[in-house]
Amino acid sequence: MNSLKPEDTAMYYCAAANLYCRLVAL
């Protein structure tokens, strides 16, 4: 994360799935 802005303030979470992203999107 570069050029951070105050609006970037948040709790950040990672997530994972067992399908390609293009399939997860469905």
mmCIF file of all heavy atoms, coordinates in Angstrom:
data_MODEL
# 
_entry.id   MODEL 
# 
loop_
_atom_site.group_PDB 
_atom_site.id 
_atom_site.type_symbol 
_atom_site.label_atom_id 
_atom_site.label_alt_id 
_atom_site.label_comp_id 
_atom_site.label_asym_id 
_atom_site.label_entity_id 
_atom_site.label_seq_id 
_atom_site.pdbx_PDB_ins_code 
_atom_site.Cartn_x 
_atom_site.Cartn_y 
_atom_site.Cartn_z 
_atom_site.occupancy 
_atom_site.B_iso_or_equiv 
_atom_site.pdbx_formal_charge 
_atom_site.auth_seq_id 
_atom_site.auth_comp_id 
_atom_site.auth_asym_id 
_atom_site.auth_atom_id 
_atom_site.pdbx_PDB_model_num 
ATOM 1   N N   . MET A 1 1  ? 0.848   -1.180  0.000   1.00 0.00 ? 1  MET A N   1 
ATOM 2   C CA  . MET A 1 1  ? 0.000   0.000   0.000   1.00 0.00 ? 1  MET A CA  1 
ATOM 3   C C   . MET A 1 1  ? 0.889   1.236   0.000   1.00 0.00 ? 1  MET A C   1 
ATOM 4   O O   . MET A 1 1  ? 1.639   1.464   0.948   1.00 0.00 ? 1  MET A O   1 
ATOM 5   C CB  . MET A 1 1  ? -0.923  0.009   1.221   1.00 0.00 ? 1  MET A CB  1 
ATOM 6   C CG  . MET A 1 1  ? -1.781  -1.244  1.344   1.00 0.00 ? 1  MET A CG  1 
ATOM 7   S SD  . MET A 1 1  ? -2.976  -1.128  2.699   1.00 0.00 ? 1  MET A SD  1 
ATOM 8   C CE  . MET A 1 1  ? -1.844  -1.062  4.099   1.00 0.00 ? 1  MET A CE  1 
ATOM 9   N N   . ASN A 1 2  ? 0.804   2.019   -1.060  1.00 0.00 ? 2  ASN A N   1 
ATOM 10  C CA  . ASN A 1 2  ? 1.572   3.246   -1.206  1.00 0.00 ? 2  ASN A CA  1 
ATOM 11  C C   . ASN A 1 2  ? 0.636   4.437   -1.283  1.00 0.00 ? 2  ASN A C   1 
ATOM 12  O O   . ASN A 1 2  ? -0.549  4.300   -1.557  1.00 0.00 ? 2  ASN A O   1 
ATOM 13  C CB  . ASN A 1 2  ? 2.439   3.187   -2.462  1.00 0.00 ? 2  ASN A CB  1 
ATOM 14  C CG  . ASN A 1 2  ? 3.449   2.071   -2.439  1.00 0.00 ? 2  ASN A CG  1 
ATOM 15  O OD1 . ASN A 1 2  ? 4.002   1.748   -1.392  1.00 0.00 ? 2  ASN A OD1 1 
ATOM 16  N ND2 . ASN A 1 2  ? 3.713   1.471   -3.602  1.00 0.00 ? 2  ASN A ND2 1 
ATOM 17  N N   . SER A 1 3  ? 1.191   5.620   -1.073  1.00 0.00 ? 3  SER A N   1 
ATOM 18  C CA  . SER A 1 3  ? 0.427   6.866   -1.147  1.00 0.00 ? 3  SER A CA  1 
ATOM 19  C C   . SER A 1 3  ? -0.854  6.781   -0.337  1.00 0.00 ? 3  SER A C   1 
ATOM 20  O O   . SER A 1 3  ? -1.936  7.127   -0.807  1.00 0.00 ? 3  SER A O   1 
ATOM 21  C CB  . SER A 1 3  ? 0.127   7.205   -2.611  1.00 0.00 ? 3  SER A CB  1 
ATOM 22  O OG  . SER A 1 3  ? 1.314   7.339   -3.359  1.00 0.00 ? 3  SER A OG  1 
ATOM 23  N N   . LEU A 1 4  ? -0.726  6.329   0.891   1.00 0.00 ? 4  LEU A N   1 
ATOM 24  C CA  . LEU A 1 4  ? -1.897  6.096   1.728   1.00 0.00 ? 4  LEU A CA  1 
ATOM 25  C C   . LEU A 1 4  ? -2.628  7.395   2.034   1.00 0.00 ? 4  LEU A C   1 
ATOM 26  O O   . LEU A 1 4  ? -2.015  8.453   2.198   1.00 0.00 ? 4  LEU A O   1 
ATOM 27  C CB  . LEU A 1 4  ? -1.487  5.397   3.015   1.00 0.00 ? 4  LEU A CB  1 
ATOM 28  C CG  . LEU A 1 4  ? -1.204  3.904   2.844   1.00 0.00 ? 4  LEU A CG  1 
ATOM 29  C CD1 . LEU A 1 4  ? -0.385  3.379   4.012   1.00 0.00 ? 4  LEU A CD1 1 
ATOM 30  C CD2 . LEU A 1 4  ? -2.512  3.128   2.713   1.00 0.00 ? 4  LEU A CD2 1 
ATOM 31  N N   . LYS A 1 5  ? -3.945  7.271   2.115   1.00 0.00 ? 5  LYS A N   1 
ATOM 32  C CA  . LYS A 1 5  ? -4.835  8.384   2.394   1.00 0.00 ? 5  LYS A CA  1 
ATOM 33  C C   . LYS A 1 5  ? -5.626  8.096   3.661   1.00 0.00 ? 5  LYS A C   1 
ATOM 34  O O   . LYS A 1 5  ? -5.832  6.934   4.016   1.00 0.00 ? 5  LYS A O   1 
ATOM 35  C CB  . LYS A 1 5  ? -5.813  8.587   1.230   1.00 0.00 ? 5  LYS A CB  1 
ATOM 36  C CG  . LYS A 1 5  ? -5.160  8.783   -0.122  1.00 0.00 ? 5  LYS A CG  1 
ATOM 37  C CD  . LYS A 1 5  ? -6.210  8.831   -1.218  1.00 0.00 ? 5  LYS A CD  1 
ATOM 38  C CE  . LYS A 1 5  ? -5.576  9.009   -2.579  1.00 0.00 ? 5  LYS A CE  1 
ATOM 39  N NZ  . LYS A 1 5  ? -6.598  9.041   -3.652  1.00 0.00 ? 5  LYS A NZ  1 
ATOM 40  N N   . PRO A 1 6  ? -6.104  9.133   4.342   1.00 0.00 ? 6  PRO A N   1 
ATOM 41  C CA  . PRO A 1 6  ? -6.914  8.883   5.539   1.00 0.00 ? 6  PRO A CA  1 
ATOM 42  C C   . PRO A 1 6  ? -8.111  7.969   5.270   1.00 0.00 ? 6  PRO A C   1 
ATOM 43  O O   . PRO A 1 6  ? -8.492  7.191   6.155   1.00 0.00 ? 6  PRO A O   1 
ATOM 44  C CB  . PRO A 1 6  ? -7.360  10.284  5.951   1.00 0.00 ? 6  PRO A CB  1 
ATOM 45  C CG  . PRO A 1 6  ? -6.249  11.163  5.482   1.00 0.00 ? 6  PRO A CG  1 
ATOM 46  C CD  . PRO A 1 6  ? -5.803  10.563  4.170   1.00 0.00 ? 6  PRO A CD  1 
ATOM 47  N N   . GLU A 1 7  ? -8.697  8.049   4.081   1.00 0.00 ? 7  GLU A N   1 
ATOM 48  C CA  . GLU A 1 7  ? -9.836  7.201   3.760   1.00 0.00 ? 7  GLU A CA  1 
ATOM 49  C C   . GLU A 1 7  ? -9.469  5.730   3.604   1.00 0.00 ? 7  GLU A C   1 
ATOM 50  O O   . GLU A 1 7  ? -10.356 4.883   3.464   1.00 0.00 ? 7  GLU A O   1 
ATOM 51  C CB  . GLU A 1 7  ? -10.563 7.700   2.500   1.00 0.00 ? 7  GLU A CB  1 
ATOM 52  C CG  . GLU A 1 7  ? -9.636  7.952   1.328   1.00 0.00 ? 7  GLU A CG  1 
ATOM 53  C CD  . GLU A 1 7  ? -9.263  9.420   1.188   1.00 0.00 ? 7  GLU A CD  1 
ATOM 54  O OE1 . GLU A 1 7  ? -8.902  10.046  2.205   1.00 0.00 ? 7  GLU A OE1 1 
ATOM 55  O OE2 . GLU A 1 7  ? -9.340  9.944   0.058   1.00 0.00 ? 7  GLU A OE2 1 
ATOM 56  N N   . ASP A 1 8  ? -8.181  5.394   3.618   1.00 0.00 ? 8  ASP A N   1 
ATOM 57  C CA  . ASP A 1 8  ? -7.749  4.003   3.629   1.00 0.00 ? 8  ASP A CA  1 
ATOM 58  C C   . ASP A 1 8  ? -7.808  3.395   5.024   1.00 0.00 ? 8  ASP A C   1 
ATOM 59  O O   . ASP A 1 8  ? -7.597  2.186   5.169   1.00 0.00 ? 8  ASP A O   1 
ATOM 60  C CB  . ASP A 1 8  ? -6.325  3.868   3.093   1.00 0.00 ? 8  ASP A CB  1 
ATOM 61  C CG  . ASP A 1 8  ? -6.202  4.259   1.629   1.00 0.00 ? 8  ASP A CG  1 
ATOM 62  O OD1 . ASP A 1 8  ? -7.091  3.886   0.835   1.00 0.00 ? 8  ASP A OD1 1 
ATOM 63  O OD2 . ASP A 1 8  ? -5.217  4.928   1.280   1.00 0.00 ? 8  ASP A OD2 1 
ATOM 64  N N   . THR A 1 9  ? -8.063  4.200   6.035   1.00 0.00 ? 9  THR A N   1 
ATOM 65  C CA  . THR A 1 9  ? -8.142  3.705   7.402   1.00 0.00 ? 9  THR A CA  1 
ATOM 66  C C   . THR A 1 9  ? -9.250  2.670   7.520   1.00 0.00 ? 9  THR A C   1 
ATOM 67  O O   . THR A 1 9  ? -10.405 2.937   7.189   1.00 0.00 ? 9  THR A O   1 
ATOM 68  C CB  . THR A 1 9  ? -8.387  4.860   8.374   1.00 0.00 ? 9  THR A CB  1 
ATOM 69  O OG1 . THR A 1 9  ? -7.258  5.735   8.367   1.00 0.00 ? 9  THR A OG1 1 
ATOM 70  C CG2 . THR A 1 9  ? -8.603  4.348   9.785   1.00 0.00 ? 9  THR A CG2 1 
ATOM 71  N N   . ALA A 1 10 ? -8.901  1.474   7.982   1.00 0.00 ? 10 ALA A N   1 
ATOM 72  C CA  . ALA A 1 10 ? -9.859  0.379   8.082   1.00 0.00 ? 10 ALA A CA  1 
ATOM 73  C C   . ALA A 1 10 ? -9.184  -0.823  8.709   1.00 0.00 ? 10 ALA A C   1 
ATOM 74  O O   . ALA A 1 10 ? -7.960  -0.869  8.857   1.00 0.00 ? 10 ALA A O   1 
ATOM 75  C CB  . ALA A 1 10 ? -10.410 -0.005  6.704   1.00 0.00 ? 10 ALA A CB  1 
ATOM 76  N N   . MET A 1 11 ? -10.002 -1.805  9.065   1.00 0.00 ? 11 MET A N   1 
ATOM 77  C CA  . MET A 1 11 ? -9.496  -3.124  9.377   1.00 0.00 ? 11 MET A CA  1 
ATOM 78  C C   . MET A 1 11 ? -9.366  -3.884  8.061   1.00 0.00 ? 11 MET A C   1 
ATOM 79  O O   . MET A 1 11 ? -10.327 -3.944  7.285   1.00 0.00 ? 11 MET A O   1 
ATOM 80  C CB  . MET A 1 11 ? -10.424 -3.853  10.336  1.00 0.00 ? 11 MET A CB  1 
ATOM 81  C CG  . MET A 1 11 ? -9.895  -5.206  10.801  1.00 0.00 ? 11 MET A CG  1 
ATOM 82  S SD  . MET A 1 11 ? -8.511  -5.078  11.961  1.00 0.00 ? 11 MET A SD  1 
ATOM 83  C CE  . MET A 1 11 ? -9.386  -4.584  13.448  1.00 0.00 ? 11 MET A CE  1 
ATOM 84  N N   . TYR A 1 12 ? -8.202  -4.444  7.816   1.00 0.00 ? 12 TYR A N   1 
ATOM 85  C CA  . TYR A 1 12 ? -7.932  -5.164  6.575   1.00 0.00 ? 12 TYR A CA  1 
ATOM 86  C C   . TYR A 1 12 ? -7.911  -6.659  6.846   1.00 0.00 ? 12 TYR A C   1 
ATOM 87  O O   . TYR A 1 12 ? -7.248  -7.127  7.772   1.00 0.00 ? 12 TYR A O   1 
ATOM 88  C CB  . TYR A 1 12 ? -6.598  -4.724  5.973   1.00 0.00 ? 12 TYR A CB  1 
ATOM 89  C CG  . TYR A 1 12 ? -6.675  -3.394  5.279   1.00 0.00 ? 12 TYR A CG  1 
ATOM 90  C CD1 . TYR A 1 12 ? -6.813  -2.223  6.015   1.00 0.00 ? 12 TYR A CD1 1 
ATOM 91  C CD2 . TYR A 1 12 ? -6.633  -3.304  3.891   1.00 0.00 ? 12 TYR A CD2 1 
ATOM 92  C CE1 . TYR A 1 12 ? -6.909  -0.996  5.388   1.00 0.00 ? 12 TYR A CE1 1 
ATOM 93  C CE2 . TYR A 1 12 ? -6.720  -2.083  3.254   1.00 0.00 ? 12 TYR A CE2 1 
ATOM 94  C CZ  . TYR A 1 12 ? -6.860  -0.929  4.006   1.00 0.00 ? 12 TYR A CZ  1 
ATOM 95  O OH  . TYR A 1 12 ? -6.948  0.283   3.371   1.00 0.00 ? 12 TYR A OH  1 
ATOM 96  N N   . TYR A 1 13 ? -8.627  -7.403  6.005   1.00 0.00 ? 13 TYR A N   1 
ATOM 97  C CA  . TYR A 1 13 ? -8.761  -8.843  6.140   1.00 0.00 ? 13 TYR A CA  1 
ATOM 98  C C   . TYR A 1 13 ? -8.286  -9.540  4.871   1.00 0.00 ? 13 TYR A C   1 
ATOM 99  O O   . TYR A 1 13 ? -8.531  -9.060  3.765   1.00 0.00 ? 13 TYR A O   1 
ATOM 100 C CB  . TYR A 1 13 ? -10.225 -9.243  6.360   1.00 0.00 ? 13 TYR A CB  1 
ATOM 101 C CG  . TYR A 1 13 ? -10.874 -8.643  7.576   1.00 0.00 ? 13 TYR A CG  1 
ATOM 102 C CD1 . TYR A 1 13 ? -11.526 -7.422  7.498   1.00 0.00 ? 13 TYR A CD1 1 
ATOM 103 C CD2 . TYR A 1 13 ? -10.850 -9.314  8.788   1.00 0.00 ? 13 TYR A CD2 1 
ATOM 104 C CE1 . TYR A 1 13 ? -12.135 -6.870  8.610   1.00 0.00 ? 13 TYR A CE1 1 
ATOM 105 C CE2 . TYR A 1 13 ? -11.459 -8.776  9.903   1.00 0.00 ? 13 TYR A CE2 1 
ATOM 106 C CZ  . TYR A 1 13 ? -12.099 -7.555  9.805   1.00 0.00 ? 13 TYR A CZ  1 
ATOM 107 O OH  . TYR A 1 13 ? -12.710 -7.015  10.913  1.00 0.00 ? 13 TYR A OH  1 
ATOM 108 N N   . CYS A 1 14 ? -7.637  -10.680 5.016   1.00 0.00 ? 14 CYS A N   1 
ATOM 109 C CA  . CYS A 1 14 ? -7.382  -11.518 3.863   1.00 0.00 ? 14 CYS A CA  1 
ATOM 110 C C   . CYS A 1 14 ? -8.402  -12.640 3.817   1.00 0.00 ? 14 CYS A C   1 
ATOM 111 O O   . CYS A 1 14 ? -8.967  -13.043 4.836   1.00 0.00 ? 14 CYS A O   1 
ATOM 112 C CB  . CYS A 1 14 ? -5.948  -12.068 3.848   1.00 0.00 ? 14 CYS A CB  1 
ATOM 113 S SG  . CYS A 1 14 ? -5.520  -13.177 5.195   1.00 0.00 ? 14 CYS A SG  1 
ATOM 114 N N   . ALA A 1 15 ? -8.653  -13.126 2.612   1.00 0.00 ? 15 ALA A N   1 
ATOM 115 C CA  . ALA A 1 15 ? -9.617  -14.187 2.388   1.00 0.00 ? 15 ALA A CA  1 
ATOM 116 C C   . ALA A 1 15 ? -9.100  -15.111 1.300   1.00 0.00 ? 15 ALA A C   1 
ATOM 117 O O   . ALA A 1 15 ? -8.272  -14.719 0.472   1.00 0.00 ? 15 ALA A O   1 
ATOM 118 C CB  . ALA A 1 15 ? -10.982 -13.610 1.996   1.00 0.00 ? 15 ALA A CB  1 
ATOM 119 N N   . ALA A 1 16 ? -9.598  -16.341 1.298   1.00 0.00 ? 16 ALA A N   1 
ATOM 120 C CA  . ALA A 1 16 ? -9.168  -17.325 0.319   1.00 0.00 ? 16 ALA A CA  1 
ATOM 121 C C   . ALA A 1 16 ? -10.338 -18.201 -0.091  1.00 0.00 ? 16 ALA A C   1 
ATOM 122 O O   . ALA A 1 16 ? -11.264 -18.431 0.691   1.00 0.00 ? 16 ALA A O   1 
ATOM 123 C CB  . ALA A 1 16 ? -8.029  -18.190 0.873   1.00 0.00 ? 16 ALA A CB  1 
ATOM 124 N N   . ALA A 1 17 ? -10.270 -18.690 -1.320  1.00 0.00 ? 17 ALA A N   1 
ATOM 125 C CA  . ALA A 1 17 ? -11.275 -19.589 -1.855  1.00 0.00 ? 17 ALA A CA  1 
ATOM 126 C C   . ALA A 1 17 ? -10.595 -20.657 -2.694  1.00 0.00 ? 17 ALA A C   1 
ATOM 127 O O   . ALA A 1 17 ? -9.421  -20.539 -3.051  1.00 0.00 ? 17 ALA A O   1 
ATOM 128 C CB  . ALA A 1 17 ? -12.304 -18.827 -2.693  1.00 0.00 ? 17 ALA A CB  1 
ATOM 129 N N   . ASN A 1 18 ? -11.345 -21.687 -3.035  1.00 0.00 ? 18 ASN A N   1 
ATOM 130 C CA  . ASN A 1 18 ? -10.799 -22.854 -3.715  1.00 0.00 ? 18 ASN A CA  1 
ATOM 131 C C   . ASN A 1 18 ? -11.110 -22.889 -5.208  1.00 0.00 ? 18 ASN A C   1 
ATOM 132 O O   . ASN A 1 18 ? -10.931 -23.924 -5.849  1.00 0.00 ? 18 ASN A O   1 
ATOM 133 C CB  . ASN A 1 18 ? -11.330 -24.132 -3.062  1.00 0.00 ? 18 ASN A CB  1 
ATOM 134 C CG  . ASN A 1 18 ? -10.897 -24.275 -1.624  1.00 0.00 ? 18 ASN A CG  1 
ATOM 135 O OD1 . ASN A 1 18 ? -9.736  -24.030 -1.298  1.00 0.00 ? 18 ASN A OD1 1 
ATOM 136 N ND2 . ASN A 1 18 ? -11.814 -24.661 -0.761  1.00 0.00 ? 18 ASN A ND2 1 
ATOM 137 N N   . LEU A 1 19 ? -11.554 -21.773 -5.752  1.00 0.00 ? 19 LEU A N   1 
ATOM 138 C CA  . LEU A 1 19 ? -11.834 -21.633 -7.172  1.00 0.00 ? 19 LEU A CA  1 
ATOM 139 C C   . LEU A 1 19 ? -11.080 -20.445 -7.729  1.00 0.00 ? 19 LEU A C   1 
ATOM 140 O O   . LEU A 1 19 ? -10.710 -19.530 -6.994  1.00 0.00 ? 19 LEU A O   1 
ATOM 141 C CB  . LEU A 1 19 ? -13.333 -21.431 -7.415  1.00 0.00 ? 19 LEU A CB  1 
ATOM 142 C CG  . LEU A 1 19 ? -14.276 -22.548 -6.980  1.00 0.00 ? 19 LEU A CG  1 
ATOM 143 C CD1 . LEU A 1 19 ? -15.720 -22.070 -7.094  1.00 0.00 ? 19 LEU A CD1 1 
ATOM 144 C CD2 . LEU A 1 19 ? -14.060 -23.782 -7.835  1.00 0.00 ? 19 LEU A CD2 1 
ATOM 145 N N   . TYR A 1 20 ? -10.858 -20.436 -9.035  1.00 0.00 ? 20 TYR A N   1 
ATOM 146 C CA  . TYR A 1 20 ? -10.288 -19.268 -9.689  1.00 0.00 ? 20 TYR A CA  1 
ATOM 147 C C   . TYR A 1 20 ? -11.174 -18.054 -9.422  1.00 0.00 ? 20 TYR A C   1 
ATOM 148 O O   . TYR A 1 20 ? -12.391 -18.167 -9.276  1.00 0.00 ? 20 TYR A O   1 
ATOM 149 C CB  . TYR A 1 20 ? -10.178 -19.485 -11.187 1.00 0.00 ? 20 TYR A CB  1 
ATOM 150 C CG  . TYR A 1 20 ? -9.259  -20.609 -11.594 1.00 0.00 ? 20 TYR A CG  1 
ATOM 151 C CD1 . TYR A 1 20 ? -9.655  -21.522 -12.569 1.00 0.00 ? 20 TYR A CD1 1 
ATOM 152 C CD2 . TYR A 1 20 ? -7.995  -20.757 -11.042 1.00 0.00 ? 20 TYR A CD2 1 
ATOM 153 C CE1 . TYR A 1 20 ? -8.812  -22.553 -12.965 1.00 0.00 ? 20 TYR A CE1 1 
ATOM 154 C CE2 . TYR A 1 20 ? -7.154  -21.785 -11.422 1.00 0.00 ? 20 TYR A CE2 1 
ATOM 155 C CZ  . TYR A 1 20 ? -7.572  -22.679 -12.389 1.00 0.00 ? 20 TYR A CZ  1 
ATOM 156 O OH  . TYR A 1 20 ? -6.741  -23.702 -12.775 1.00 0.00 ? 20 TYR A OH  1 
ATOM 157 N N   . CYS A 1 21 ? -10.557 -16.879 -9.374  1.00 0.00 ? 21 CYS A N   1 
ATOM 158 C CA  . CYS A 1 21 ? -11.300 -15.673 -9.046  1.00 0.00 ? 21 CYS A CA  1 
ATOM 159 C C   . CYS A 1 21 ? -12.469 -15.436 -10.002 1.00 0.00 ? 21 CYS A C   1 
ATOM 160 O O   . CYS A 1 21 ? -13.529 -14.972 -9.581  1.00 0.00 ? 21 CYS A O   1 
ATOM 161 C CB  . CYS A 1 21 ? -10.376 -14.462 -9.050  1.00 0.00 ? 21 CYS A CB  1 
ATOM 162 S SG  . CYS A 1 21 ? -9.156  -14.446 -7.727  1.00 0.00 ? 21 CYS A SG  1 
ATOM 163 N N   . ARG A 1 22 ? -12.298 -15.741 -11.277 1.00 0.00 ? 22 ARG A N   1 
ATOM 164 C CA  . ARG A 1 22 ? -13.374 -15.512 -12.235 1.00 0.00 ? 22 ARG A CA  1 
ATOM 165 C C   . ARG A 1 22 ? -14.581 -16.395 -11.950 1.00 0.00 ? 22 ARG A C   1 
ATOM 166 O O   . ARG A 1 22 ? -15.692 -16.054 -12.354 1.00 0.00 ? 22 ARG A O   1 
ATOM 167 C CB  . ARG A 1 22 ? -12.877 -15.729 -13.663 1.00 0.00 ? 22 ARG A CB  1 
ATOM 168 C CG  . ARG A 1 22 ? -12.344 -17.126 -13.930 1.00 0.00 ? 22 ARG A CG  1 
ATOM 169 C CD  . ARG A 1 22 ? -11.751 -17.204 -15.345 1.00 0.00 ? 22 ARG A CD  1 
ATOM 170 N NE  . ARG A 1 22 ? -11.098 -18.478 -15.588 1.00 0.00 ? 22 ARG A NE  1 
ATOM 171 C CZ  . ARG A 1 22 ? -11.713 -19.574 -16.018 1.00 0.00 ? 22 ARG A CZ  1 
ATOM 172 N NH1 . ARG A 1 22 ? -13.019 -19.536 -16.273 1.00 0.00 ? 22 ARG A NH1 1 
ATOM 173 N NH2 . ARG A 1 22 ? -11.039 -20.692 -16.205 1.00 0.00 ? 22 ARG A NH2 1 
ATOM 174 N N   . LEU A 1 23 ? -14.365 -17.525 -11.268 1.00 0.00 ? 23 LEU A N   1 
ATOM 175 C CA  . LEU A 1 23 ? -15.463 -18.388 -10.860 1.00 0.00 ? 23 LEU A CA  1 
ATOM 176 C C   . LEU A 1 23 ? -16.029 -17.968 -9.512  1.00 0.00 ? 23 LEU A C   1 
ATOM 177 O O   . LEU A 1 23 ? -17.245 -18.012 -9.306  1.00 0.00 ? 23 LEU A O   1 
ATOM 178 C CB  . LEU A 1 23 ? -15.003 -19.846 -10.815 1.00 0.00 ? 23 LEU A CB  1 
ATOM 179 C CG  . LEU A 1 23 ? -14.467 -20.393 -12.138 1.00 0.00 ? 23 LEU A CG  1 
ATOM 180 C CD1 . LEU A 1 23 ? -14.002 -21.827 -11.976 1.00 0.00 ? 23 LEU A CD1 1 
ATOM 181 C CD2 . LEU A 1 23 ? -15.525 -20.301 -13.233 1.00 0.00 ? 23 LEU A CD2 1 
ATOM 182 N N   . VAL A 1 24 ? -15.161 -17.554 -8.591  1.00 0.00 ? 24 VAL A N   1 
ATOM 183 C CA  . VAL A 1 24 ? -15.623 -17.032 -7.310  1.00 0.00 ? 24 VAL A CA  1 
ATOM 184 C C   . VAL A 1 24 ? -16.591 -15.876 -7.521  1.00 0.00 ? 24 VAL A C   1 
ATOM 185 O O   . VAL A 1 24 ? -17.572 -15.726 -6.784  1.00 0.00 ? 24 VAL A O   1 
ATOM 186 C CB  . VAL A 1 24 ? -14.433 -16.602 -6.436  1.00 0.00 ? 24 VAL A CB  1 
ATOM 187 C CG1 . VAL A 1 24 ? -14.907 -15.880 -5.176  1.00 0.00 ? 24 VAL A CG1 1 
ATOM 188 C CG2 . VAL A 1 24 ? -13.580 -17.813 -6.066  1.00 0.00 ? 24 VAL A CG2 1 
ATOM 189 N N   . ALA A 1 25 ? -16.325 -15.063 -8.541  1.00 0.00 ? 25 ALA A N   1 
ATOM 190 C CA  . ALA A 1 25 ? -17.160 -13.902 -8.815  1.00 0.00 ? 25 ALA A CA  1 
ATOM 191 C C   . ALA A 1 25 ? -18.601 -14.275 -9.130  1.00 0.00 ? 25 ALA A C   1 
ATOM 192 O O   . ALA A 1 25 ? -19.492 -13.430 -9.017  1.00 0.00 ? 25 ALA A O   1 
ATOM 193 C CB  . ALA A 1 25 ? -16.569 -13.091 -9.972  1.00 0.00 ? 25 ALA A CB  1 
ATOM 194 N N   . LEU A 1 26 ? -18.850 -15.501 -9.531  1.00 0.00 ? 26 LEU A N   1 
ATOM 195 C CA  . LEU A 1 26 ? -20.187 -15.950 -9.890  1.00 0.00 ? 26 LEU A CA  1 
ATOM 196 C C   . LEU A 1 26 ? -20.997 -16.451 -8.699  1.00 0.00 ? 26 LEU A C   1 
ATOM 197 O O   . LEU A 1 26 ? -22.211 -16.645 -8.817  1.00 0.00 ? 26 LEU A O   1 
ATOM 198 C CB  . LEU A 1 26 ? -20.108 -17.070 -10.933 1.00 0.00 ? 26 LEU A CB  1 
ATOM 199 C CG  . LEU A 1 26 ? -19.340 -16.751 -12.219 1.00 0.00 ? 26 LEU A CG  1 
ATOM 200 C CD1 . LEU A 1 26 ? -19.265 -17.985 -13.101 1.00 0.00 ? 26 LEU A CD1 1 
ATOM 201 C CD2 . LEU A 1 26 ? -19.979 -15.595 -12.956 1.00 0.00 ? 26 LEU A CD2 1 
# 
